[in-house]
PDB file of N, CA and C in Angstrom:
ATOM      1  N   MET A   1     -25.198  11.398  31.289  1.00  0.00           N
ATOM      2  CA  MET A   1     -24.235  12.284  31.935  1.00  0.00           C
ATOM      3  C   MET A   1     -23.765  13.363  30.952  1.00  0.00           C
ATOM      4  N   ILE A   2     -23.718  14.574  31.419  1.00  0.00           N
ATOM      5  CA  ILE A   2     -23.284  15.713  30.604  1.00  0.00           C
ATOM      6  C   ILE A   2     -21.760  15.720  30.520  1.00  0.00           C
ATOM      7  N   LYS A   3     -21.258  15.973  29.338  1.00  0.00           N
ATOM      8  CA  LYS A   3     -19.807  16.110  29.149  1.00  0.00           C
ATOM      9  C   LYS A   3     -19.532  17.507  28.611  1.00  0.00           C
ATOM     10  N   ILE A   4     -18.838  18.309  29.386  1.00  0.00           N
ATOM     11  CA  ILE A   4     -18.521  19.667  28.974  1.00  0.00           C
ATOM     12  C   ILE A   4     -17.402  19.620  27.944  1.00  0.00           C
ATOM     13  N   SER A   5     -17.651  20.275  26.807  1.00  0.00           N
ATOM     14  CA  SER A   5     -16.691  20.272  25.719  1.00  0.00           C
ATOM     15  C   SER A   5     -16.077  21.653  25.474  1.00  0.00           C
ATOM     16  N   LYS A   6     -16.881  22.716  25.674  1.00  0.00           N
ATOM     17  CA  LYS A   6     -16.405  24.083  25.436  1.00  0.00           C
ATOM     18  C   LYS A   6     -16.814  24.977  26.594  1.00  0.00           C
ATOM     19  N   ILE A   7     -15.988  25.983  26.834  1.00  0.00           N
ATOM     20  CA  ILE A   7     -16.237  26.955  27.898  1.00  0.00           C
ATOM     21  C   ILE A   7     -16.043  28.344  27.302  1.00  0.00           C
ATOM     22  N   LYS A   8     -16.908  29.265  27.693  1.00  0.00           N
ATOM     23  CA  LYS A   8     -16.794  30.645  27.229  1.00  0.00           C
ATOM     24  C   LYS A   8     -17.025  31.577  28.412  1.00  0.00           C
ATOM     25  N   VAL A   9     -16.199  32.613  28.508  1.00  0.00           N
ATOM     26  CA  VAL A   9     -16.401  33.677  29.488  1.00  0.00           C
ATOM     27  C   VAL A   9     -16.839  34.913  28.715  1.00  0.00           C
ATOM     28  N   ASP A  10     -18.015  35.425  29.020  1.00  0.00           N
ATOM     29  CA  ASP A  10     -18.518  36.624  28.353  1.00  0.00           C
ATOM     30  C   ASP A  10     -17.894  37.846  29.026  1.00  0.00           C
ATOM     31  N   ARG A  11     -16.952  38.475  28.349  1.00  0.00           N
ATOM     32  CA  ARG A  11     -16.225  39.615  28.919  1.00  0.00           C
ATOM     33  C   ARG A  11     -17.133  40.812  29.174  1.00  0.00           C
ATOM     34  N   ASN A  12     -18.220  40.928  28.425  1.00  0.00           N
ATOM     35  CA  ASN A  12     -19.149  42.032  28.656  1.00  0.00           C
ATOM     36  C   ASN A  12     -19.926  41.856  29.955  1.00  0.00           C
ATOM     37  N   LEU A  13     -20.132  40.616  30.371  1.00  0.00           N
ATOM     38  CA  LEU A  13     -20.848  40.343  31.613  1.00  0.00           C
ATOM     39  C   LEU A  13     -19.921  40.292  32.828  1.00  0.00           C
ATOM     40  N   CYS A  14     -18.699  39.813  32.642  1.00  0.00           N
ATOM     41  CA  CYS A  14     -17.775  39.607  33.760  1.00  0.00           C
ATOM     42  C   CYS A  14     -17.497  40.912  34.502  1.00  0.00           C
ATOM     43  N   ILE A  15     -17.589  40.847  35.841  1.00  0.00           N
ATOM     44  CA  ILE A  15     -17.309  42.020  36.676  1.00  0.00           C
ATOM     45  C   ILE A  15     -16.046  41.822  37.521  1.00  0.00           C
ATOM     46  N   GLY A  16     -15.351  40.717  37.313  1.00  0.00           N
ATOM     47  CA  GLY A  16     -14.107  40.474  38.028  1.00  0.00           C
ATOM     48  C   GLY A  16     -14.283  40.111  39.491  1.00  0.00           C
ATOM     49  N   ALA A  17     -15.449  39.608  39.857  1.00  0.00           N
ATOM     50  CA  ALA A  17     -15.694  39.223  41.251  1.00  0.00           C
ATOM     51  C   ALA A  17     -14.806  38.048  41.667  1.00  0.00           C
ATOM     52  N   ALA A  18     -14.488  37.192  40.740  1.00  0.00           N
ATOM     53  CA  ALA A  18     -13.507  36.108  40.866  1.00  0.00           C
ATOM     54  C   ALA A  18     -13.889  34.890  41.701  1.00  0.00           C
ATOM     55  N   PRO A  19     -15.160  34.568  41.930  1.00  0.00           N
ATOM     56  CA  PRO A  19     -15.441  33.309  42.611  1.00  0.00           C
ATOM     57  C   PRO A  19     -15.053  32.103  41.754  1.00  0.00           C
ATOM     58  N   CYS A  20     -15.011  32.279  40.432  1.00  0.00           N
ATOM     59  CA  CYS A  20     -14.568  31.182  39.567  1.00  0.00           C
ATOM     60  C   CYS A  20     -13.119  30.818  39.863  1.00  0.00           C
ATOM     61  N   ILE A  21     -12.330  31.815  40.191  1.00  0.00           N
ATOM     62  CA  ILE A  21     -10.917  31.580  40.497  1.00  0.00           C
ATOM     63  C   ILE A  21     -10.776  30.876  41.845  1.00  0.00           C
ATOM     64  N   SER A  22     -11.612  31.249  42.799  1.00  0.00           N
ATOM     65  CA  SER A  22     -11.601  30.560  44.090  1.00  0.00           C
ATOM     66  C   SER A  22     -12.028  29.108  43.933  1.00  0.00           C
ATOM     67  N   THR A  23     -12.975  28.863  43.038  1.00  0.00           N
ATOM     68  CA  THR A  23     -13.494  27.513  42.830  1.00  0.00           C
ATOM     69  C   THR A  23     -12.570  26.660  41.967  1.00  0.00           C
ATOM     70  N   ALA A  24     -12.000  27.249  40.929  1.00  0.00           N
ATOM     71  CA  ALA A  24     -11.153  26.490  39.997  1.00  0.00           C
ATOM     72  C   ALA A  24      -9.917  27.297  39.604  1.00  0.00           C
ATOM     73  N   PRO A  25      -8.989  27.506  40.555  1.00  0.00           N
ATOM     74  CA  PRO A  25      -7.797  28.312  40.258  1.00  0.00           C
ATOM     75  C   PRO A  25      -6.885  27.695  39.202  1.00  0.00           C
ATOM     76  N   GLU A  26      -7.021  26.402  38.969  1.00  0.00           N
ATOM     77  CA  GLU A  26      -6.211  25.752  37.939  1.00  0.00           C
ATOM     78  C   GLU A  26      -6.737  26.050  36.534  1.00  0.00           C
ATOM     79  N   ILE A  27      -7.958  26.603  36.456  1.00  0.00           N
ATOM     80  CA  ILE A  27      -8.582  26.897  35.164  1.00  0.00           C
ATOM     81  C   ILE A  27      -8.678  28.395  34.886  1.00  0.00           C
ATOM     82  N   PHE A  28      -9.105  29.163  35.884  1.00  0.00           N
ATOM     83  CA  PHE A  28      -9.401  30.581  35.676  1.00  0.00           C
ATOM     84  C   PHE A  28      -8.379  31.498  36.342  1.00  0.00           C
ATOM     85  N   LYS A  29      -8.207  32.674  35.746  1.00  0.00           N
ATOM     86  CA  LYS A  29      -7.401  33.741  36.338  1.00  0.00           C
ATOM     87  C   LYS A  29      -7.974  35.069  35.850  1.00  0.00           C
ATOM     88  N   LEU A  30      -7.561  36.167  36.480  1.00  0.00           N
ATOM     89  CA  LEU A  30      -7.968  37.491  36.016  1.00  0.00           C
ATOM     90  C   LEU A  30      -6.891  38.035  35.085  1.00  0.00           C
ATOM     91  N   ASP A  31      -7.323  38.703  34.018  1.00  0.00           N
ATOM     92  CA  ASP A  31      -6.362  39.309  33.100  1.00  0.00           C
ATOM     93  C   ASP A  31      -6.069  40.741  33.517  1.00  0.00           C
ATOM     94  N   GLU A  32      -5.372  41.475  32.676  1.00  0.00           N
ATOM     95  CA  GLU A  32      -4.968  42.850  32.998  1.00  0.00           C
ATOM     96  C   GLU A  32      -6.159  43.806  33.134  1.00  0.00           C
ATOM     97  N   GLU A  33      -7.323  43.413  32.635  1.00  0.00           N
ATOM     98  CA  GLU A  33      -8.528  44.236  32.770  1.00  0.00           C
ATOM     99  C   GLU A  33      -9.430  43.760  33.911  1.00  0.00           C
ATOM    100  N   ASN A  34      -8.913  42.853  34.740  1.00  0.00           N
ATOM    101  CA  ASN A  34      -9.683  42.245  35.835  1.00  0.00           C
ATOM    102  C   ASN A  34     -10.918  41.512  35.342  1.00  0.00           C
ATOM    103  N   LYS A  35     -10.772  40.841  34.222  1.00  0.00           N
ATOM    104  CA  LYS A  35     -11.818  39.984  33.668  1.00  0.00           C
ATOM    105  C   LYS A  35     -11.319  38.546  33.742  1.00  0.00           C
ATOM    106  N   ALA A  36     -12.239  37.625  33.983  1.00  0.00           N
ATOM    107  CA  ALA A  36     -11.863  36.219  34.056  1.00  0.00           C
ATOM    108  C   ALA A  36     -11.502  35.686  32.680  1.00  0.00           C
ATOM    109  N   VAL A  37     -10.416  34.918  32.643  1.00  0.00           N
ATOM    110  CA  VAL A  37      -9.990  34.210  31.444  1.00  0.00           C
ATOM    111  C   VAL A  37      -9.564  32.810  31.865  1.00  0.00           C
ATOM    112  N   MET A  38      -9.423  31.930  30.881  1.00  0.00           N
ATOM    113  CA  MET A  38      -9.010  30.565  31.169  1.00  0.00           C
ATOM    114  C   MET A  38      -7.541  30.363  30.839  1.00  0.00           C
ATOM    115  N   LYS A  39      -6.910  29.551  31.640  1.00  0.00           N
ATOM    116  CA  LYS A  39      -5.511  29.194  31.420  1.00  0.00           C
ATOM    117  C   LYS A  39      -5.460  28.096  30.352  1.00  0.00           C
ATOM    118  N   ILE A  40      -4.618  28.319  29.352  1.00  0.00           N
ATOM    119  CA  ILE A  40      -4.504  27.412  28.210  1.00  0.00           C
ATOM    120  C   ILE A  40      -3.095  26.824  28.173  1.00  0.00           C
ATOM    121  N   LYS A  41      -3.010  25.571  27.801  1.00  0.00           N
ATOM    122  CA  LYS A  41      -1.713  24.892  27.689  1.00  0.00           C
ATOM    123  C   LYS A  41      -0.776  25.660  26.773  1.00  0.00           C
ATOM    124  N   GLY A  42       0.437  25.886  27.232  1.00  0.00           N
ATOM    125  CA  GLY A  42       1.473  26.474  26.403  1.00  0.00           C
ATOM    126  C   GLY A  42       1.321  27.958  26.099  1.00  0.00           C
ATOM    127  N   ARG A  43       0.417  28.653  26.801  1.00  0.00           N
ATOM    128  CA  ARG A  43       0.232  30.093  26.551  1.00  0.00           C
ATOM    129  C   ARG A  43       0.240  30.841  27.867  1.00  0.00           C
ATOM    130  N   ASN A  44       0.875  31.998  27.871  1.00  0.00           N
ATOM    131  CA  ASN A  44       0.866  32.831  29.067  1.00  0.00           C
ATOM    132  C   ASN A  44      -0.404  33.656  29.160  1.00  0.00           C
ATOM    133  N   LYS A  45      -0.908  34.084  28.013  1.00  0.00           N
ATOM    134  CA  LYS A  45      -2.107  34.908  27.985  1.00  0.00           C
ATOM    135  C   LYS A  45      -3.347  34.014  28.017  1.00  0.00           C
ATOM    136  N   GLY A  46      -4.292  34.360  28.882  1.00  0.00           N
ATOM    137  CA  GLY A  46      -5.526  33.595  28.980  1.00  0.00           C
ATOM    138  C   GLY A  46      -6.477  33.921  27.844  1.00  0.00           C
ATOM    139  N   VAL A  47      -7.474  33.079  27.668  1.00  0.00           N
ATOM    140  CA  VAL A  47      -8.469  33.272  26.620  1.00  0.00           C
ATOM    141  C   VAL A  47      -9.871  33.242  27.224  1.00  0.00           C
ATOM    142  N   ASN A  48     -10.834  33.766  26.495  1.00  0.00           N
ATOM    143  CA  ASN A  48     -12.193  33.778  27.009  1.00  0.00           C
ATOM    144  C   ASN A  48     -13.081  32.729  26.347  1.00  0.00           C
ATOM    145  N   ARG A  49     -12.523  31.940  25.422  1.00  0.00           N
ATOM    146  CA  ARG A  49     -13.267  30.856  24.786  1.00  0.00           C
ATOM    147  C   ARG A  49     -12.286  29.721  24.524  1.00  0.00           C
ATOM    148  N   ALA A  50     -12.661  28.513  24.935  1.00  0.00           N
ATOM    149  CA  ALA A  50     -11.719  27.408  24.765  1.00  0.00           C
ATOM    150  C   ALA A  50     -12.430  26.066  24.680  1.00  0.00           C
ATOM    151  N   GLU A  51     -11.779  25.160  23.970  1.00  0.00           N
ATOM    152  CA  GLU A  51     -12.177  23.760  23.970  1.00  0.00           C
ATOM    153  C   GLU A  51     -11.661  23.160  25.282  1.00  0.00           C
ATOM    154  N   ARG A  52     -12.362  22.211  25.811  1.00  0.00           N
ATOM    155  CA  ARG A  52     -11.966  21.548  27.057  1.00  0.00           C
ATOM    156  C   ARG A  52     -10.525  21.028  26.978  1.00  0.00           C
ATOM    157  N   LYS A  53     -10.161  20.445  25.852  1.00  0.00           N
ATOM    158  CA  LYS A  53      -8.827  19.844  25.686  1.00  0.00           C
ATOM    159  C   LYS A  53      -7.701  20.870  25.694  1.00  0.00           C
ATOM    160  N   GLU A  54      -8.032  22.157  25.502  1.00  0.00           N
ATOM    161  CA  GLU A  54      -7.017  23.207  25.504  1.00  0.00           C
ATOM    162  C   GLU A  54      -6.662  23.692  26.910  1.00  0.00           C
ATOM    163  N   LEU A  55      -7.502  23.394  27.884  1.00  0.00           N
ATOM    164  CA  LEU A  55      -7.288  23.902  29.239  1.00  0.00           C
ATOM    165  C   LEU A  55      -5.978  23.422  29.823  1.00  0.00           C
ATOM    166  N   ALA A  56      -5.348  24.279  30.585  1.00  0.00           N
ATOM    167  CA  ALA A  56      -4.056  23.953  31.190  1.00  0.00           C
ATOM    168  C   ALA A  56      -4.160  22.788  32.162  1.00  0.00           C
ATOM    169  N   ALA A  57      -5.274  22.687  32.862  1.00  0.00           N
ATOM    170  CA  ALA A  57      -5.454  21.611  33.846  1.00  0.00           C
ATOM    171  C   ALA A  57      -6.147  20.427  33.193  1.00  0.00           C
ATOM    172  N   ASP A  58      -5.427  19.339  33.034  1.00  0.00           N
ATOM    173  CA  ASP A  58      -5.997  18.147  32.407  1.00  0.00           C
ATOM    174  C   ASP A  58      -6.996  17.428  33.298  1.00  0.00           C
ATOM    175  N   ALA A  59      -6.771  17.475  34.589  1.00  0.00           N
ATOM    176  CA  ALA A  59      -7.535  16.636  35.505  1.00  0.00           C
ATOM    177  C   ALA A  59      -8.827  17.270  36.029  1.00  0.00           C
ATOM    178  N   VAL A  60      -9.130  18.490  35.629  1.00  0.00           N
ATOM    179  CA  VAL A  60     -10.336  19.134  36.146  1.00  0.00           C
ATOM    180  C   VAL A  60     -11.568  18.384  35.628  1.00  0.00           C
ATOM    181  N   ASN A  61     -12.506  18.139  36.542  1.00  0.00           N
ATOM    182  CA  ASN A  61     -13.694  17.407  36.125  1.00  0.00           C
ATOM    183  C   ASN A  61     -14.871  18.342  35.871  1.00  0.00           C
ATOM    184  N   ASP A  62     -15.925  17.792  35.285  1.00  0.00           N
ATOM    185  CA  ASP A  62     -17.111  18.580  34.948  1.00  0.00           C
ATOM    186  C   ASP A  62     -17.728  19.227  36.174  1.00  0.00           C
ATOM    187  N   ASP A  63     -17.726  18.532  37.300  1.00  0.00           N
ATOM    188  CA  ASP A  63     -18.333  19.086  38.516  1.00  0.00           C
ATOM    189  C   ASP A  63     -17.655  20.391  38.938  1.00  0.00           C
ATOM    190  N   ILE A  64     -16.346  20.459  38.802  1.00  0.00           N
ATOM    191  CA  ILE A  64     -15.615  21.680  39.164  1.00  0.00           C
ATOM    192  C   ILE A  64     -15.943  22.802  38.173  1.00  0.00           C
ATOM    193  N   LEU A  65     -15.996  22.484  36.881  1.00  0.00           N
ATOM    194  CA  LEU A  65     -16.346  23.496  35.884  1.00  0.00           C
ATOM    195  C   LEU A  65     -17.763  24.025  36.115  1.00  0.00           C
ATOM    196  N   ILE A  66     -18.690  23.140  36.424  1.00  0.00           N
ATOM    197  CA  ILE A  66     -20.069  23.563  36.695  1.00  0.00           C
ATOM    198  C   ILE A  66     -20.125  24.415  37.954  1.00  0.00           C
ATOM    199  N   ALA A  67     -19.410  24.008  39.000  1.00  0.00           N
ATOM    200  CA  ALA A  67     -19.392  24.791  40.246  1.00  0.00           C
ATOM    201  C   ALA A  67     -18.806  26.180  40.008  1.00  0.00           C
ATOM    202  N   ALA A  68     -17.754  26.259  39.210  1.00  0.00           N
ATOM    203  CA  ALA A  68     -17.150  27.563  38.907  1.00  0.00           C
ATOM    204  C   ALA A  68     -18.137  28.442  38.139  1.00  0.00           C
ATOM    205  N   ALA A  69     -18.809  27.871  37.151  1.00  0.00           N
ATOM    206  CA  ALA A  69     -19.790  28.637  36.378  1.00  0.00           C
ATOM    207  C   ALA A  69     -20.948  29.090  37.269  1.00  0.00           C
ATOM    208  N   GLN A  70     -21.418  28.211  38.121  1.00  0.00           N
ATOM    209  CA  GLN A  70     -22.532  28.546  39.015  1.00  0.00           C
ATOM    210  C   GLN A  70     -22.140  29.578  40.063  1.00  0.00           C
ATOM    211  N   SER A  71     -20.867  29.668  40.382  1.00  0.00           N
ATOM    212  CA  SER A  71     -20.414  30.623  41.395  1.00  0.00           C
ATOM    213  C   SER A  71     -20.396  32.055  40.874  1.00  0.00           C
ATOM    214  N   CYS A  72     -20.418  32.222  39.564  1.00  0.00           N
ATOM    215  CA  CYS A  72     -20.351  33.558  38.962  1.00  0.00           C
ATOM    216  C   CYS A  72     -21.634  34.335  39.264  1.00  0.00           C
ATOM    217  N   PRO A  73     -21.514  35.503  39.930  1.00  0.00           N
ATOM    218  CA  PRO A  73     -22.717  36.253  40.307  1.00  0.00           C
ATOM    219  C   PRO A  73     -23.474  36.857  39.127  1.00  0.00           C
ATOM    220  N   VAL A  74     -22.810  36.980  37.970  1.00  0.00           N
ATOM    221  CA  VAL A  74     -23.470  37.564  36.793  1.00  0.00           C
ATOM    222  C   VAL A  74     -23.644  36.545  35.663  1.00  0.00           C
ATOM    223  N   LYS A  75     -23.394  35.275  35.965  1.00  0.00           N
ATOM    224  CA  LYS A  75     -23.546  34.183  34.997  1.00  0.00           C
ATOM    225  C   LYS A  75     -22.800  34.459  33.688  1.00  0.00           C
ATOM    226  N   ALA A  76     -21.528  34.824  33.834  1.00  0.00           N
ATOM    227  CA  ALA A  76     -20.704  35.150  32.670  1.00  0.00           C
ATOM    228  C   ALA A  76     -19.978  33.940  32.090  1.00  0.00           C
ATOM    229  N   ILE A  77     -20.069  32.786  32.755  1.00  0.00           N
ATOM    230  CA  ILE A  77     -19.383  31.585  32.271  1.00  0.00           C
ATOM    231  C   ILE A  77     -20.416  30.655  31.637  1.00  0.00           C
ATOM    232  N   PHE A  78     -20.196  30.362  30.361  1.00  0.00           N
ATOM    233  CA  PHE A  78     -21.108  29.512  29.602  1.00  0.00           C
ATOM    234  C   PHE A  78     -20.435  28.176  29.331  1.00  0.00           C
ATOM    235  N   LEU A  79     -21.178  27.096  29.501  1.00  0.00           N
ATOM    236  CA  LEU A  79     -20.676  25.744  29.283  1.00  0.00           C
ATOM    237  C   LEU A  79     -21.467  25.083  28.162  1.00  0.00           C
ATOM    238  N   TYR A  80     -20.757  24.342  27.313  1.00  0.00           N
ATOM    239  CA  TYR A  80     -21.372  23.689  26.161  1.00  0.00           C
ATOM    240  C   TYR A  80     -20.972  22.225  26.117  1.00  0.00           C
ATOM    241  N   ASP A  81     -21.882  21.383  25.607  1.00  0.00           N
ATOM    242  CA  ASP A  81     -21.561  19.966  25.465  1.00  0.00           C
ATOM    243  C   ASP A  81     -20.875  19.720  24.121  1.00  0.00           C
ATOM    244  N   GLU A  82     -20.592  18.458  23.824  1.00  0.00           N
ATOM    245  CA  GLU A  82     -19.857  18.111  22.602  1.00  0.00           C
ATOM    246  C   GLU A  82     -20.642  18.413  21.327  1.00  0.00           C
ATOM    247  N   LYS A  83     -21.962  18.589  21.431  1.00  0.00           N
ATOM    248  CA  LYS A  83     -22.778  18.953  20.272  1.00  0.00           C
ATOM    249  C   LYS A  83     -23.013  20.466  20.211  1.00  0.00           C
ATOM    250  N   GLU A  84     -22.299  21.207  21.049  1.00  0.00           N
ATOM    251  CA  GLU A  84     -22.365  22.659  21.151  1.00  0.00           C
ATOM    252  C   GLU A  84     -23.706  23.167  21.675  1.00  0.00           C
ATOM    253  N   ASN A  85     -24.426  22.307  22.404  1.00  0.00           N
ATOM    254  CA  ASN A  85     -25.628  22.734  23.098  1.00  0.00           C
ATOM    255  C   ASN A  85     -25.204  23.444  24.384  1.00  0.00           C
ATOM    256  N   GLN A  86     -25.799  24.580  24.648  1.00  0.00           N
ATOM    257  CA  GLN A  86     -25.485  25.302  25.894  1.00  0.00           C
ATOM    258  C   GLN A  86     -26.087  24.534  27.061  1.00  0.00           C
ATOM    259  N   ILE A  87     -25.253  24.197  28.046  1.00  0.00           N
ATOM    260  CA  ILE A  87     -25.747  23.470  29.202  1.00  0.00           C
ATOM    261  C   ILE A  87     -25.770  24.311  30.470  1.00  0.00           C
ATOM    262  N   TYR A  88     -25.098  25.446  30.462  1.00  0.00           N
ATOM    263  CA  TYR A  88     -25.179  26.397  31.566  1.00  0.00           C
ATOM    264  C   TYR A  88     -24.764  27.762  31.062  1.00  0.00           C
ATOM    265  N   PRO A  89     -25.372  28.848  31.499  1.00  0.00           N
ATOM    266  CA  PRO A  89     -26.610  28.914  32.290  1.00  0.00           C
ATOM    267  C   PRO A  89     -27.820  28.637  31.425  1.00  0.00           C
TER     268      PRO A  89
END
């Protein structure tokens, strides 16, 4: 079983279509530039790279993170396992 450890949003690829937000609103939001960022515990400003443990939503599972990444029309969301191997896309 794959365990997602890190998530990255490539701001150069992101077009602000926001299906990631529809899929995982507890994790993703759009910033002031209409780019997807992740919600982080204890911070108002979102980030584009985060460890899984930093995410604001503790209960989000891997299936939701994968669905959010797969929903991105430009594949701007990258997922990594605990050994930093890229698992999506």
